[in-house]
PDB file of N, CA and C in Angstrom:
ATOM      1  N   GLN A   1     103.197 107.666 130.145  1.00  0.00           N
ATOM      2  CA  GLN A   1     101.967 106.733 129.062  1.00  0.00           C
ATOM      3  C   GLN A   1     100.562 108.290 128.942  1.00  0.00           C
ATOM      4  N   VAL A   2     101.490 108.447 127.599  1.00  0.00           N
ATOM      5  CA  VAL A   2      99.894 109.587 127.572  1.00  0.00           C
ATOM      6  C   VAL A   2      98.297 109.215 127.298  1.00  0.00           C
ATOM      7  N   GLN A   3      97.894 109.780 127.812  1.00  0.00           N
ATOM      8  CA  GLN A   3      96.196 109.612 127.528  1.00  0.00           C
ATOM      9  C   GLN A   3      95.140 110.718 127.126  1.00  0.00           C
ATOM     10  N   LEU A   4      94.641 109.823 126.284  1.00  0.00           N
ATOM     11  CA  LEU A   4      93.641 110.562 125.593  1.00  0.00           C
ATOM     12  C   LEU A   4      92.145 110.367 125.813  1.00  0.00           C
ATOM     13  N   VAL A   5      91.741 111.595 126.607  1.00  0.00           N
ATOM     14  CA  VAL A   5      90.211 110.955 126.472  1.00  0.00           C
ATOM     15  C   VAL A   5      89.020 111.929 126.053  1.00  0.00           C
ATOM     16  N   GLU A   6      88.365 111.706 124.894  1.00  0.00           N
ATOM     17  CA  GLU A   6      87.406 112.498 124.036  1.00  0.00           C
ATOM     18  C   GLU A   6      86.171 112.875 124.714  1.00  0.00           C
ATOM     19  N   PHE A   7      85.227 113.492 124.683  1.00  0.00           N
ATOM     20  CA  PHE A   7      83.652 113.705 124.552  1.00  0.00           C
ATOM     21  C   PHE A   7      83.289 115.205 124.023  1.00  0.00           C
ATOM     22  N   GLY A   8      81.957 115.101 124.537  1.00  0.00           N
ATOM     23  CA  GLY A   8      81.348 116.314 123.722  1.00  0.00           C
ATOM     24  C   GLY A   8      80.591 115.716 122.381  1.00  0.00           C
ATOM     25  N   GLY A   9      80.862 114.185 121.899  1.00  0.00           N
ATOM     26  CA  GLY A   9      80.122 114.403 120.790  1.00  0.00           C
ATOM     27  C   GLY A   9      78.731 113.979 120.834  1.00  0.00           C
ATOM     28  N   GLY A  10      77.740 113.595 119.819  1.00  0.00           N
ATOM     29  CA  GLY A  10      76.322 113.853 120.287  1.00  0.00           C
ATOM     30  C   GLY A  10      75.590 113.750 117.958  1.00  0.00           C
ATOM     31  N   SER A  11      73.873 114.329 118.376  1.00  0.00           N
ATOM     32  CA  SER A  11      73.416 114.500 117.334  1.00  0.00           C
ATOM     33  C   SER A  11      73.424 115.761 117.071  1.00  0.00           C
ATOM     34  N   VAL A  12      73.191 115.832 116.125  1.00  0.00           N
ATOM     35  CA  VAL A  12      72.797 117.749 115.732  1.00  0.00           C
ATOM     36  C   VAL A  12      72.344 118.171 114.398  1.00  0.00           C
ATOM     37  N   GLN A  13      71.738 118.808 114.101  1.00  0.00           N
ATOM     38  CA  GLN A  13      70.839 118.887 112.529  1.00  0.00           C
ATOM     39  C   GLN A  13      72.283 119.895 111.978  1.00  0.00           C
ATOM     40  N   ALA A  14      71.950 119.682 111.186  1.00  0.00           N
ATOM     41  CA  ALA A  14      73.029 120.083 110.075  1.00  0.00           C
ATOM     42  C   ALA A  14      72.653 121.474 110.129  1.00  0.00           C
ATOM     43  N   GLY A  15      74.419 122.484 109.833  1.00  0.00           N
ATOM     44  CA  GLY A  15      74.263 124.005 110.813  1.00  0.00           C
ATOM     45  C   GLY A  15      73.707 124.396 111.661  1.00  0.00           C
ATOM     46  N   GLY A  16      74.014 122.918 112.291  1.00  0.00           N
ATOM     47  CA  GLY A  16      74.412 123.527 114.090  1.00  0.00           C
ATOM     48  C   GLY A  16      75.933 123.327 114.586  1.00  0.00           C
ATOM     49  N   SER A  17      76.604 123.044 116.268  1.00  0.00           N
ATOM     50  CA  SER A  17      77.057 123.113 116.108  1.00  0.00           C
ATOM     51  C   SER A  17      77.563 122.124 117.134  1.00  0.00           C
ATOM     52  N   LEU A  18      78.518 122.199 117.648  1.00  0.00           N
ATOM     53  CA  LEU A  18      79.106 121.152 118.463  1.00  0.00           C
ATOM     54  C   LEU A  18      80.710 121.162 119.265  1.00  0.00           C
ATOM     55  N   ARG A  19      80.854 120.966 120.269  1.00  0.00           N
ATOM     56  CA  ARG A  19      82.354 121.415 120.764  1.00  0.00           C
ATOM     57  C   ARG A  19      83.011 120.215 121.189  1.00  0.00           C
ATOM     58  N   LEU A  20      83.800 119.150 121.345  1.00  0.00           N
ATOM     59  CA  LEU A  20      84.580 118.097 121.453  1.00  0.00           C
ATOM     60  C   LEU A  20      85.071 118.784 122.410  1.00  0.00           C
ATOM     61  N   SER A  21      85.715 117.464 124.012  1.00  0.00           N
ATOM     62  CA  SER A  21      86.561 117.757 124.469  1.00  0.00           C
ATOM     63  C   SER A  21      87.720 116.697 125.081  1.00  0.00           C
ATOM     64  N   CYS A  22      89.037 116.690 124.446  1.00  0.00           N
ATOM     65  CA  CYS A  22      89.675 115.949 124.819  1.00  0.00           C
ATOM     66  C   CYS A  22      90.804 116.497 125.842  1.00  0.00           C
ATOM     67  N   ALA A  23      90.500 115.630 126.959  1.00  0.00           N
ATOM     68  CA  ALA A  23      91.460 115.344 128.524  1.00  0.00           C
ATOM     69  C   ALA A  23      93.067 115.131 127.938  1.00  0.00           C
ATOM     70  N   VAL A  24      93.858 115.196 128.149  1.00  0.00           N
ATOM     71  CA  VAL A  24      95.553 115.102 127.705  1.00  0.00           C
ATOM     72  C   VAL A  24      95.914 114.326 129.013  1.00  0.00           C
ATOM     73  N   SER A  25      96.504 113.367 129.375  1.00  0.00           N
ATOM     74  CA  SER A  25      96.854 113.404 130.371  1.00  0.00           C
ATOM     75  C   SER A  25      98.272 112.754 129.943  1.00  0.00           C
ATOM     76  N   HIS A  26      99.854 112.519 131.019  1.00  0.00           N
ATOM     77  CA  HIS A  26     100.958 112.222 130.953  1.00  0.00           C
ATOM     78  C   HIS A  26     101.785 112.956 129.673  1.00  0.00           C
ATOM     79  N   LEU A  27     101.566 114.250 129.228  1.00  0.00           N
ATOM     80  CA  LEU A  27     102.014 114.658 128.325  1.00  0.00           C
ATOM     81  C   LEU A  27     103.376 115.491 129.069  1.00  0.00           C
ATOM     82  N   THR A  28     103.945 115.526 128.552  1.00  0.00           N
ATOM     83  CA  THR A  28     105.990 115.776 129.087  1.00  0.00           C
ATOM     84  C   THR A  28     106.154 116.701 128.227  1.00  0.00           C
ATOM     85  N   GLY A  29     106.358 117.978 128.926  1.00  0.00           N
ATOM     86  CA  GLY A  29     107.492 118.241 127.448  1.00  0.00           C
ATOM     87  C   GLY A  29     106.820 119.853 126.393  1.00  0.00           C
ATOM     88  N   SER A  30     107.236 119.875 126.222  1.00  0.00           N
ATOM     89  CA  SER A  30     105.758 121.088 124.808  1.00  0.00           C
ATOM     90  C   SER A  30     106.211 120.982 123.543  1.00  0.00           C
ATOM     91  N   SER A  31     106.946 119.999 123.217  1.00  0.00           N
ATOM     92  CA  SER A  31     106.914 120.234 121.899  1.00  0.00           C
ATOM     93  C   SER A  31     106.023 119.121 121.532  1.00  0.00           C
ATOM     94  N   ALA A  32     105.301 118.795 121.831  1.00  0.00           N
ATOM     95  CA  ALA A  32     104.197 117.723 121.165  1.00  0.00           C
ATOM     96  C   ALA A  32     103.248 118.179 119.550  1.00  0.00           C
ATOM     97  N   THR A  33     102.693 118.189 118.805  1.00  0.00           N
ATOM     98  CA  THR A  33     101.559 118.421 118.200  1.00  0.00           C
ATOM     99  C   THR A  33     100.180 117.360 118.374  1.00  0.00           C
ATOM    100  N   MET A  34      98.990 118.345 118.878  1.00  0.00           N
ATOM    101  CA  MET A  34      97.989 117.551 118.805  1.00  0.00           C
ATOM    102  C   MET A  34      97.100 117.965 117.713  1.00  0.00           C
ATOM    103  N   ALA A  35      95.886 116.797 117.478  1.00  0.00           N
ATOM    104  CA  ALA A  35      95.337 116.480 116.130  1.00  0.00           C
ATOM    105  C   ALA A  35      93.776 116.316 117.058  1.00  0.00           C
ATOM    106  N   TRP A  36      92.969 116.535 115.685  1.00  0.00           N
ATOM    107  CA  TRP A  36      91.357 115.626 115.608  1.00  0.00           C
ATOM    108  C   TRP A  36      91.742 114.873 114.555  1.00  0.00           C
ATOM    109  N   PHE A  37      91.233 113.734 113.822  1.00  0.00           N
ATOM    110  CA  PHE A  37      90.755 112.995 113.381  1.00  0.00           C
ATOM    111  C   PHE A  37      89.813 112.242 113.071  1.00  0.00           C
ATOM    112  N   ARG A  38      89.530 112.041 111.942  1.00  0.00           N
ATOM    113  CA  ARG A  38      87.723 111.627 112.542  1.00  0.00           C
ATOM    114  C   ARG A  38      87.430 111.409 111.165  1.00  0.00           C
ATOM    115  N   GLN A  39      86.806 109.597 110.881  1.00  0.00           N
ATOM    116  CA  GLN A  39      86.204 108.695 110.462  1.00  0.00           C
ATOM    117  C   GLN A  39      85.205 108.333 110.184  1.00  0.00           C
ATOM    118  N   ALA A  40      85.078 108.387 108.573  1.00  0.00           N
ATOM    119  CA  ALA A  40      83.264 107.969 108.248  1.00  0.00           C
ATOM    120  C   ALA A  40      83.000 106.361 108.013  1.00  0.00           C
ATOM    121  N   PRO A  41      82.366 106.187 107.749  1.00  0.00           N
ATOM    122  CA  PRO A  41      81.830 104.922 107.787  1.00  0.00           C
ATOM    123  C   PRO A  41      82.275 104.271 106.699  1.00  0.00           C
ATOM    124  N   GLY A  42      83.062 103.103 105.835  1.00  0.00           N
ATOM    125  CA  GLY A  42      83.654 102.697 105.623  1.00  0.00           C
ATOM    126  C   GLY A  42      85.049 103.545 104.572  1.00  0.00           C
ATOM    127  N   LYS A  43      85.267 104.340 105.175  1.00  0.00           N
ATOM    128  CA  LYS A  43      86.077 105.845 104.677  1.00  0.00           C
ATOM    129  C   LYS A  43      87.181 106.032 105.733  1.00  0.00           C
ATOM    130  N   GLU A  44      88.687 105.905 105.099  1.00  0.00           N
ATOM    131  CA  GLU A  44      89.704 106.153 105.701  1.00  0.00           C
ATOM    132  C   GLU A  44      89.456 106.866 107.065  1.00  0.00           C
ATOM    133  N   ARG A  45      90.530 106.760 108.171  1.00  0.00           N
ATOM    134  CA  ARG A  45      91.060 107.986 109.001  1.00  0.00           C
ATOM    135  C   ARG A  45      91.455 109.341 108.559  1.00  0.00           C
ATOM    136  N   GLU A  46      90.824 109.785 107.968  1.00  0.00           N
ATOM    137  CA  GLU A  46      91.232 112.096 107.696  1.00  0.00           C
ATOM    138  C   GLU A  46      91.970 112.489 108.818  1.00  0.00           C
ATOM    139  N   PHE A  47      92.651 113.423 108.038  1.00  0.00           N
ATOM    140  CA  PHE A  47      92.900 114.155 109.326  1.00  0.00           C
ATOM    141  C   PHE A  47      92.419 115.534 109.657  1.00  0.00           C
ATOM    142  N   ALA A  48      91.494 115.793 110.534  1.00  0.00           N
ATOM    143  CA  ALA A  48      90.668 117.369 110.532  1.00  0.00           C
ATOM    144  C   ALA A  48      91.245 118.414 110.695  1.00  0.00           C
ATOM    145  N   ALA A  49      91.735 118.511 112.138  1.00  0.00           N
ATOM    146  CA  ALA A  49      92.392 120.123 112.588  1.00  0.00           C
ATOM    147  C   ALA A  49      93.854 119.630 113.349  1.00  0.00           C
ATOM    148  N   ALA A  50      95.179 120.283 113.591  1.00  0.00           N
ATOM    149  CA  ALA A  50      95.935 120.291 114.352  1.00  0.00           C
ATOM    150  C   ALA A  50      96.408 121.712 115.483  1.00  0.00           C
ATOM    151  N   VAL A  51      97.123 121.436 116.287  1.00  0.00           N
ATOM    152  CA  VAL A  51      97.151 122.691 116.813  1.00  0.00           C
ATOM    153  C   VAL A  51      98.608 122.088 117.396  1.00  0.00           C
ATOM    154  N   ARG A  52      99.874 123.213 117.280  1.00  0.00           N
ATOM    155  CA  ARG A  52     101.115 122.810 118.751  1.00  0.00           C
ATOM    156  C   ARG A  52     100.492 122.785 119.775  1.00  0.00           C
ATOM    157  N   TRP A  53     100.966 122.010 120.688  1.00  0.00           N
ATOM    158  CA  TRP A  53     100.756 122.457 122.258  1.00  0.00           C
ATOM    159  C   TRP A  53     101.382 123.069 122.801  1.00  0.00           C
ATOM    160  N   ASP A  54     103.316 123.727 122.485  1.00  0.00           N
ATOM    161  CA  ASP A  54     103.536 125.599 122.814  1.00  0.00           C
ATOM    162  C   ASP A  54     103.155 126.441 121.861  1.00  0.00           C
ATOM    163  N   GLY A  55     103.458 126.504 120.993  1.00  0.00           N
ATOM    164  CA  GLY A  55     103.366 128.427 120.470  1.00  0.00           C
ATOM    165  C   GLY A  55     101.758 128.144 119.160  1.00  0.00           C
ATOM    166  N   GLY A  56     100.982 126.880 119.617  1.00  0.00           N
ATOM    167  CA  GLY A  56      99.623 127.734 119.568  1.00  0.00           C
ATOM    168  C   GLY A  56      98.970 127.690 117.363  1.00  0.00           C
ATOM    169  N   ASN A  57     100.325 127.296 117.224  1.00  0.00           N
ATOM    170  CA  ASN A  57     100.646 126.862 115.865  1.00  0.00           C
ATOM    171  C   ASN A  57      98.596 125.999 115.335  1.00  0.00           C
ATOM    172  N   THR A  58      97.875 126.476 113.576  1.00  0.00           N
ATOM    173  CA  THR A  58      97.381 125.532 113.380  1.00  0.00           C
ATOM    174  C   THR A  58      96.632 125.022 112.155  1.00  0.00           C
ATOM    175  N   GLU A  59      96.471 124.227 111.987  1.00  0.00           N
ATOM    176  CA  GLU A  59      96.202 123.597 110.306  1.00  0.00           C
ATOM    177  C   GLU A  59      95.261 122.682 110.728  1.00  0.00           C
ATOM    178  N   TYR A  60      94.223 123.165 109.558  1.00  0.00           N
ATOM    179  CA  TYR A  60      93.159 122.262 108.906  1.00  0.00           C
ATOM    180  C   TYR A  60      92.836 121.858 108.224  1.00  0.00           C
ATOM    181  N   SER A  61      92.201 120.983 107.546  1.00  0.00           N
ATOM    182  CA  SER A  61      91.826 120.627 106.418  1.00  0.00           C
ATOM    183  C   SER A  61      91.127 121.518 105.686  1.00  0.00           C
ATOM    184  N   ASP A  62      91.139 121.498 104.206  1.00  0.00           N
ATOM    185  CA  ASP A  62      90.720 121.796 103.185  1.00  0.00           C
ATOM    186  C   ASP A  62      88.647 122.313 103.768  1.00  0.00           C
ATOM    187  N   SER A  63      88.181 120.434 103.962  1.00  0.00           N
ATOM    188  CA  SER A  63      86.446 120.741 104.496  1.00  0.00           C
ATOM    189  C   SER A  63      86.268 120.954 105.850  1.00  0.00           C
ATOM    190  N   VAL A  64      87.521 121.387 106.295  1.00  0.00           N
ATOM    191  CA  VAL A  64      86.663 121.983 108.118  1.00  0.00           C
ATOM    192  C   VAL A  64      87.578 123.258 107.696  1.00  0.00           C
ATOM    193  N   LYS A  65      87.567 124.183 107.455  1.00  0.00           N
ATOM    194  CA  LYS A  65      88.721 125.254 107.334  1.00  0.00           C
ATOM    195  C   LYS A  65      87.772 126.126 107.015  1.00  0.00           C
ATOM    196  N   GLY A  66      87.875 126.673 108.500  1.00  0.00           N
ATOM    197  CA  GLY A  66      86.536 128.530 108.381  1.00  0.00           C
ATOM    198  C   GLY A  66      84.578 127.922 108.418  1.00  0.00           C
ATOM    199  N   ARG A  67      85.382 126.236 109.514  1.00  0.00           N
ATOM    200  CA  ARG A  67      83.388 125.792 110.146  1.00  0.00           C
ATOM    201  C   ARG A  67      84.111 125.283 111.493  1.00  0.00           C
ATOM    202  N   PHE A  68      85.874 124.977 111.704  1.00  0.00           N
ATOM    203  CA  PHE A  68      86.082 124.392 112.639  1.00  0.00           C
ATOM    204  C   PHE A  68      87.038 125.143 113.093  1.00  0.00           C
ATOM    205  N   THR A  69      86.985 125.228 114.447  1.00  0.00           N
ATOM    206  CA  THR A  69      88.048 125.997 115.130  1.00  0.00           C
ATOM    207  C   THR A  69      89.162 124.356 115.878  1.00  0.00           C
ATOM    208  N   ILE A  70      90.153 124.716 116.292  1.00  0.00           N
ATOM    209  CA  ILE A  70      90.649 123.766 116.709  1.00  0.00           C
ATOM    210  C   ILE A  70      91.786 124.708 117.998  1.00  0.00           C
ATOM    211  N   SER A  71      91.410 124.573 119.937  1.00  0.00           N
ATOM    212  CA  SER A  71      92.320 125.197 120.525  1.00  0.00           C
ATOM    213  C   SER A  71      92.856 123.663 121.090  1.00  0.00           C
ATOM    214  N   ARG A  72      93.777 124.489 122.812  1.00  0.00           N
ATOM    215  CA  ARG A  72      93.878 123.682 123.757  1.00  0.00           C
ATOM    216  C   ARG A  72      94.465 125.186 124.758  1.00  0.00           C
ATOM    217  N   ASP A  73      94.233 123.856 126.110  1.00  0.00           N
ATOM    218  CA  ASP A  73      94.456 124.912 127.194  1.00  0.00           C
ATOM    219  C   ASP A  73      95.768 124.087 127.405  1.00  0.00           C
ATOM    220  N   LYS A  74      96.356 124.432 128.160  1.00  0.00           N
ATOM    221  CA  LYS A  74      97.750 124.450 128.376  1.00  0.00           C
ATOM    222  C   LYS A  74      97.708 124.224 129.636  1.00  0.00           C
ATOM    223  N   ASP A  75      97.111 124.680 130.966  1.00  0.00           N
ATOM    224  CA  ASP A  75      96.599 125.311 131.802  1.00  0.00           C
ATOM    225  C   ASP A  75      95.773 123.659 132.845  1.00  0.00           C
ATOM    226  N   SER A  76      95.346 123.575 131.540  1.00  0.00           N
ATOM    227  CA  SER A  76      93.801 122.945 132.161  1.00  0.00           C
ATOM    228  C   SER A  76      94.060 121.260 131.493  1.00  0.00           C
ATOM    229  N   ASN A  77      95.696 121.275 130.891  1.00  0.00           N
ATOM    230  CA  ASN A  77      95.446 119.608 129.397  1.00  0.00           C
ATOM    231  C   ASN A  77      94.295 119.456 128.947  1.00  0.00           C
ATOM    232  N   MET A  78      93.985 120.877 127.993  1.00  0.00           N
ATOM    233  CA  MET A  78      92.204 120.345 127.670  1.00  0.00           C
ATOM    234  C   MET A  78      92.971 120.828 125.915  1.00  0.00           C
ATOM    235  N   LEU A  79      91.971 119.962 125.423  1.00  0.00           N
ATOM    236  CA  LEU A  79      92.216 119.850 123.404  1.00  0.00           C
ATOM    237  C   LEU A  79      90.761 119.487 123.213  1.00  0.00           C
ATOM    238  N   TYR A  80      90.378 121.343 122.472  1.00  0.00           N
ATOM    239  CA  TYR A  80      88.929 121.443 121.768  1.00  0.00           C
ATOM    240  C   TYR A  80      89.273 121.232 120.608  1.00  0.00           C
ATOM    241  N   LEU A  81      88.022 120.945 119.848  1.00  0.00           N
ATOM    242  CA  LEU A  81      87.461 121.613 118.598  1.00  0.00           C
ATOM    243  C   LEU A  81      85.946 121.889 118.553  1.00  0.00           C
ATOM    244  N   GLN A  82      86.046 123.075 118.528  1.00  0.00           N
ATOM    245  CA  GLN A  82      84.886 123.797 118.462  1.00  0.00           C
ATOM    246  C   GLN A  82      84.501 123.787 116.863  1.00  0.00           C
ATOM    247  N   MET A  83      83.382 122.967 116.063  1.00  0.00           N
ATOM    248  CA  MET A  83      82.609 122.389 115.481  1.00  0.00           C
ATOM    249  C   MET A  83      80.988 123.563 115.043  1.00  0.00           C
ATOM    250  N   SER A  84      81.039 124.126 113.987  1.00  0.00           N
ATOM    251  CA  SER A  84      80.609 125.079 113.126  1.00  0.00           C
ATOM    252  C   SER A  84      80.195 125.047 111.682  1.00  0.00           C
ATOM    253  N   SER A  85      77.933 125.128 111.621  1.00  0.00           N
ATOM    254  CA  SER A  85      77.941 125.142 110.194  1.00  0.00           C
ATOM    255  C   SER A  85      78.242 123.914 109.893  1.00  0.00           C
ATOM    256  N   LEU A  86      77.786 122.553 110.579  1.00  0.00           N
ATOM    257  CA  LEU A  86      77.663 121.300 110.661  1.00  0.00           C
ATOM    258  C   LEU A  86      76.919 120.665 109.509  1.00  0.00           C
ATOM    259  N   ARG A  87      77.494 119.379 108.785  1.00  0.00           N
ATOM    260  CA  ARG A  87      77.473 118.933 107.504  1.00  0.00           C
ATOM    261  C   ARG A  87      76.811 117.470 107.793  1.00  0.00           C
ATOM    262  N   PRO A  88      76.664 117.393 106.878  1.00  0.00           N
ATOM    263  CA  PRO A  88      75.650 115.449 107.323  1.00  0.00           C
ATOM    264  C   PRO A  88      77.329 115.135 107.030  1.00  0.00           C
ATOM    265  N   ASP A  89      77.513 115.523 106.170  1.00  0.00           N
ATOM    266  CA  ASP A  89      79.266 114.837 105.705  1.00  0.00           C
ATOM    267  C   ASP A  89      80.307 114.816 106.743  1.00  0.00           C
ATOM    268  N   ASP A  90      79.888 115.674 107.957  1.00  0.00           N
ATOM    269  CA  ASP A  90      80.543 115.490 108.961  1.00  0.00           C
ATOM    270  C   ASP A  90      80.451 114.855 109.611  1.00  0.00           C
ATOM    271  N   THR A  91      79.785 113.427 109.481  1.00  0.00           N
ATOM    272  CA  THR A  91      79.550 112.585 110.703  1.00  0.00           C
ATOM    273  C   THR A  91      80.055 111.849 110.418  1.00  0.00           C
ATOM    274  N   ALA A  92      81.081 111.165 111.513  1.00  0.00           N
ATOM    275  CA  ALA A  92      81.748 110.137 111.532  1.00  0.00           C
ATOM    276  C   ALA A  92      81.649 110.006 113.283  1.00  0.00           C
ATOM    277  N   VAL A  93      83.448 109.346 113.592  1.00  0.00           N
ATOM    278  CA  VAL A  93      84.082 108.914 114.383  1.00  0.00           C
ATOM    279  C   VAL A  93      84.719 110.264 115.004  1.00  0.00           C
ATOM    280  N   TYR A  94      84.971 110.864 116.080  1.00  0.00           N
ATOM    281  CA  TYR A  94      86.390 111.847 116.438  1.00  0.00           C
ATOM    282  C   TYR A  94      87.225 111.633 117.169  1.00  0.00           C
ATOM    283  N   TYR A  95      88.524 111.687 116.576  1.00  0.00           N
ATOM    284  CA  TYR A  95      89.534 111.178 117.667  1.00  0.00           C
ATOM    285  C   TYR A  95      90.291 112.155 118.396  1.00  0.00           C
ATOM    286  N   CYS A  96      90.804 112.446 119.256  1.00  0.00           N
ATOM    287  CA  CYS A  96      91.734 113.062 118.927  1.00  0.00           C
ATOM    288  C   CYS A  96      93.656 112.690 119.639  1.00  0.00           C
ATOM    289  N   ALA A  97      94.612 113.528 118.795  1.00  0.00           N
ATOM    290  CA  ALA A  97      95.529 112.409 119.028  1.00  0.00           C
ATOM    291  C   ALA A  97      96.735 113.144 119.210  1.00  0.00           C
ATOM    292  N   VAL A  98      97.653 112.679 119.498  1.00  0.00           N
ATOM    293  CA  VAL A  98      98.872 113.341 119.948  1.00  0.00           C
ATOM    294  C   VAL A  98     100.364 112.808 119.336  1.00  0.00           C
ATOM    295  N   GLU A  99     101.301 113.882 118.568  1.00  0.00           N
ATOM    296  CA  GLU A  99     102.962 113.085 118.553  1.00  0.00           C
ATOM    297  C   GLU A  99     103.723 114.077 119.004  1.00  0.00           C
ATOM    298  N   VAL A 100     103.986 113.035 120.361  1.00  0.00           N
ATOM    299  CA  VAL A 100     105.029 113.790 121.431  1.00  0.00           C
ATOM    300  C   VAL A 100     105.260 113.898 120.686  1.00  0.00           C
ATOM    301  N   TYR A 101     106.757 114.466 119.833  1.00  0.00           N
ATOM    302  CA  TYR A 101     107.856 114.798 120.075  1.00  0.00           C
ATOM    303  C   TYR A 101     107.896 115.566 118.492  1.00  0.00           C
ATOM    304  N   THR A 102     107.653 116.557 118.209  1.00  0.00           N
ATOM    305  CA  THR A 102     107.917 116.577 116.419  1.00  0.00           C
ATOM    306  C   THR A 102     108.016 118.439 116.717  1.00  0.00           C
ATOM    307  N   LEU A 103     108.885 118.551 115.230  1.00  0.00           N
ATOM    308  CA  LEU A 103     109.150 120.535 115.770  1.00  0.00           C
ATOM    309  C   LEU A 103     107.774 120.628 114.277  1.00  0.00           C
ATOM    310  N   ASP A 104     106.605 119.479 113.639  1.00  0.00           N
ATOM    311  CA  ASP A 104     106.151 119.931 112.873  1.00  0.00           C
ATOM    312  C   ASP A 104     104.705 120.242 113.398  1.00  0.00           C
ATOM    313  N   ILE A 105     103.951 120.192 111.856  1.00  0.00           N
ATOM    314  CA  ILE A 105     102.408 119.880 112.124  1.00  0.00           C
ATOM    315  C   ILE A 105     101.856 118.296 111.016  1.00  0.00           C
ATOM    316  N   ALA A 106     101.810 117.699 111.612  1.00  0.00           N
ATOM    317  CA  ALA A 106     101.992 116.464 110.538  1.00  0.00           C
ATOM    318  C   ALA A 106     100.342 116.064 110.423  1.00  0.00           C
ATOM    319  N   ARG A 107      99.688 115.881 108.829  1.00  0.00           N
ATOM    320  CA  ARG A 107      98.332 115.564 108.355  1.00  0.00           C
ATOM    321  C   ARG A 107      97.924 114.184 108.438  1.00  0.00           C
ATOM    322  N   PHE A 108      99.395 113.213 108.612  1.00  0.00           N
ATOM    323  CA  PHE A 108      99.098 111.371 108.501  1.00  0.00           C
ATOM    324  C   PHE A 108      99.034 111.191 109.325  1.00  0.00           C
ATOM    325  N   ALA A 109      97.778 110.277 109.753  1.00  0.00           N
ATOM    326  CA  ALA A 109      97.437 109.622 111.336  1.00  0.00           C
ATOM    327  C   ALA A 109      98.453 108.737 111.116  1.00  0.00           C
ATOM    328  N   ARG A 110      99.374 108.457 110.760  1.00  0.00           N
ATOM    329  CA  ARG A 110     100.765 107.105 110.696  1.00  0.00           C
ATOM    330  C   ARG A 110     101.589 108.063 111.778  1.00  0.00           C
ATOM    331  N   PHE A 111     101.920 109.074 111.867  1.00  0.00           N
ATOM    332  CA  PHE A 111     102.919 110.024 112.295  1.00  0.00           C
ATOM    333  C   PHE A 111     102.340 110.621 113.864  1.00  0.00           C
ATOM    334  N   TYR A 112     101.601 109.837 114.404  1.00  0.00           N
ATOM    335  CA  TYR A 112     100.644 110.294 115.653  1.00  0.00           C
ATOM    336  C   TYR A 112     101.038 108.510 117.353  1.00  0.00           C
ATOM    337  N   ASP A 113     101.243 109.359 118.237  1.00  0.00           N
ATOM    338  CA  ASP A 113     102.260 108.105 118.644  1.00  0.00           C
ATOM    339  C   ASP A 113     100.739 107.513 120.006  1.00  0.00           C
ATOM    340  N   TYR A 114      99.818 108.937 119.855  1.00  0.00           N
ATOM    341  CA  TYR A 114      98.955 108.120 121.351  1.00  0.00           C
ATOM    342  C   TYR A 114      97.402 108.494 120.871  1.00  0.00           C
ATOM    343  N   TRP A 115      96.560 108.176 121.471  1.00  0.00           N
ATOM    344  CA  TRP A 115      94.943 108.272 120.593  1.00  0.00           C
ATOM    345  C   TRP A 115      94.350 107.883 121.465  1.00  0.00           C
ATOM    346  N   GLY A 116      93.297 108.551 120.791  1.00  0.00           N
ATOM    347  CA  GLY A 116      91.505 108.688 122.346  1.00  0.00           C
ATOM    348  C   GLY A 116      90.708 107.466 121.457  1.00  0.00           C
ATOM    349  N   GLN A 117      89.717 107.318 122.420  1.00  0.00           N
ATOM    350  CA  GLN A 117      88.925 106.390 121.682  1.00  0.00           C
ATOM    351  C   GLN A 117      87.552 106.557 121.086  1.00  0.00           C
ATOM    352  N   GLY A 118      87.534 107.485 120.677  1.00  0.00           N
ATOM    353  CA  GLY A 118      87.105 108.166 120.303  1.00  0.00           C
ATOM    354  C   GLY A 118      85.810 108.613 120.401  1.00  0.00           C
ATOM    355  N   THR A 119      84.595 109.396 119.467  1.00  0.00           N
ATOM    356  CA  THR A 119      82.902 110.039 120.242  1.00  0.00           C
ATOM    357  C   THR A 119      82.402 110.303 119.120  1.00  0.00           C
ATOM    358  N   GLN A 120      81.033 110.064 118.534  1.00  0.00           N
ATOM    359  CA  GLN A 120      80.235 109.646 117.696  1.00  0.00           C
ATOM    360  C   GLN A 120      80.142 111.426 117.137  1.00  0.00           C
ATOM    361  N   VAL A 121      79.743 112.130 116.341  1.00  0.00           N
ATOM    362  CA  VAL A 121      79.324 113.089 115.997  1.00  0.00           C
ATOM    363  C   VAL A 121      78.375 112.339 114.855  1.00  0.00           C
ATOM    364  N   THR A 122      77.314 112.459 115.519  1.00  0.00           N
ATOM    365  CA  THR A 122      76.559 112.405 113.498  1.00  0.00           C
ATOM    366  C   THR A 122      75.560 113.809 113.437  1.00  0.00           C
ATOM    367  N   VAL A 123      75.262 114.351 112.075  1.00  0.00           N
ATOM    368  CA  VAL A 123      74.323 115.223 111.745  1.00  0.00           C
ATOM    369  C   VAL A 123      74.175 114.466 110.760  1.00  0.00           C
ATOM    370  N   SER A 124      72.286 115.167 111.035  1.00  0.00           N
ATOM    371  CA  SER A 124      71.387 114.806 109.956  1.00  0.00           C
ATOM    372  C   SER A 124      70.805 115.886 109.029  1.00  0.00           C
ATOM    373  N   SER A 125      70.249 115.936 108.409  1.00  0.00           N
ATOM    374  CA  SER A 125      69.787 116.475 107.536  1.00  0.00           C
ATOM    375  C   SER A 125      68.356 116.964 107.105  1.00  0.00           C
TER     376      SER A 125
END
């Protein structure tokens, strides 16, 4: 069973940067998509960014495009989200997720098979 553990969240002022990390265990094969989702209080979980585990193709939501960068390191089994120019509306719990067998990048949470426990990001104005 795939295991995902996020770390790197915290509190930062608007305009600052944070890097989230996700340690990936027991992921076999390469036809997976890794993603970051986020959930703010009282809101639904929303897609932020995703990357193909094999080819490295990426997709971003409009709200983070140009400010966030998703990447993965297959050798160390790590997923990252570099967040810059943070805004108060980026405040949320951030989750990493994996869709194990896919040829596409999905933007809906229901397609993802495994999830981490989440890490809090708080951006103050």
